[in-house]
Amino acid sequence: VGLSVALVLLLGLAGWFVWDRTRTFPTPTFTSIGYAPEEGDVVFQSLPAGKMTTLIEGVTDSPLSHCGIVALDRGRWVVIEAVGPVSETPLEAWIDRGRGRRVWAYRLAQSRRDVIPSFVAAARDHLGLPYDRRYRQDDEHIYCSELVHKSYLAAAGVPLCEPVALRDLDWRPHTARIRELEGGDPPLDRLLVTPRDLARAAALQPVYGPDPGRE
C-alpha cells in the first residue's frame, strides 16, 4: 500500500511539474541589471556604434542615443519604441541590445502620474509607424524621442520638454552625415526633440543609472 501511495504522489508531482512549465508567469519586478520598472517609465540607452549613433550622440554631446516607454503587455515588461517601425520590445531584449547594456530610467513625478495610462495608450496608437531618419516633426514618420514627446503631449496636454533647433546643437562636425541624410544643406531651423533634452525634463525624475551629463 505504501509503495502505491508513493507512486501516485510521484506521478502527481511529475504531472504538476509538466503543467507548471507551461504556465505564463509575470516578468520579475527586478530586471537582470537591478532596475525595478514601472509603467510609464522613460528609459534611455546608448545604441551600438554606427553612423546614426555617432550623429545623435555627437550633436547632443550625450551618451543617450535612444529612448522608449516602459509598459506591461500580458504580464511581461516591454518597451514601446521607434527604432524601426514603432513596436513593443521585451525589456530584457531592449537592455541587451544597448551598448554595454547601460540603461538610464526616469519616472514621472508623483503629480504627473495620473496621465500614465493615457501616455502608454497614446504611444501604442503609433505602433507600426515607420522610423524617421530625417528627424522631422510630421505625422507620417517618427523617431524615438519624438514618440515619447508626442505621446506625453497627447496625454497631458503639455510637453515634457521644448524642441530645440538644429542650429543650437553641435551639428558642424557632422555636416557630411546630415547632408547625406537630407540630400542638401543642414536644415538649421528644424526643431528636434532629443533624448538628452527629454532626460532633462523637470517632470521626469531619475530612478536608475548614473547622471549622463556627468559621465
Foldseek 3Di string as FASTA:
>chain_A
DVVVVVVVVVVVVVVVVVVVVPDDAADDQADPVGDRDDFFKKKFFQAPDDLQSCQQCQQAVFSTRAIFTWDDDPRFIWTQFAPFFTDTHGPNVVLVRGDVSAMWIKHFDPVLVVLRVQLVVLLVVRGRQGADPLQAPDNRHYHGQRSNQVSVCVRPVDGQFFWDFSLPTPCVVVQVVNCVSVVHGRPRRGTHRGPVRSVVGPRIDIDDGDDRVVD
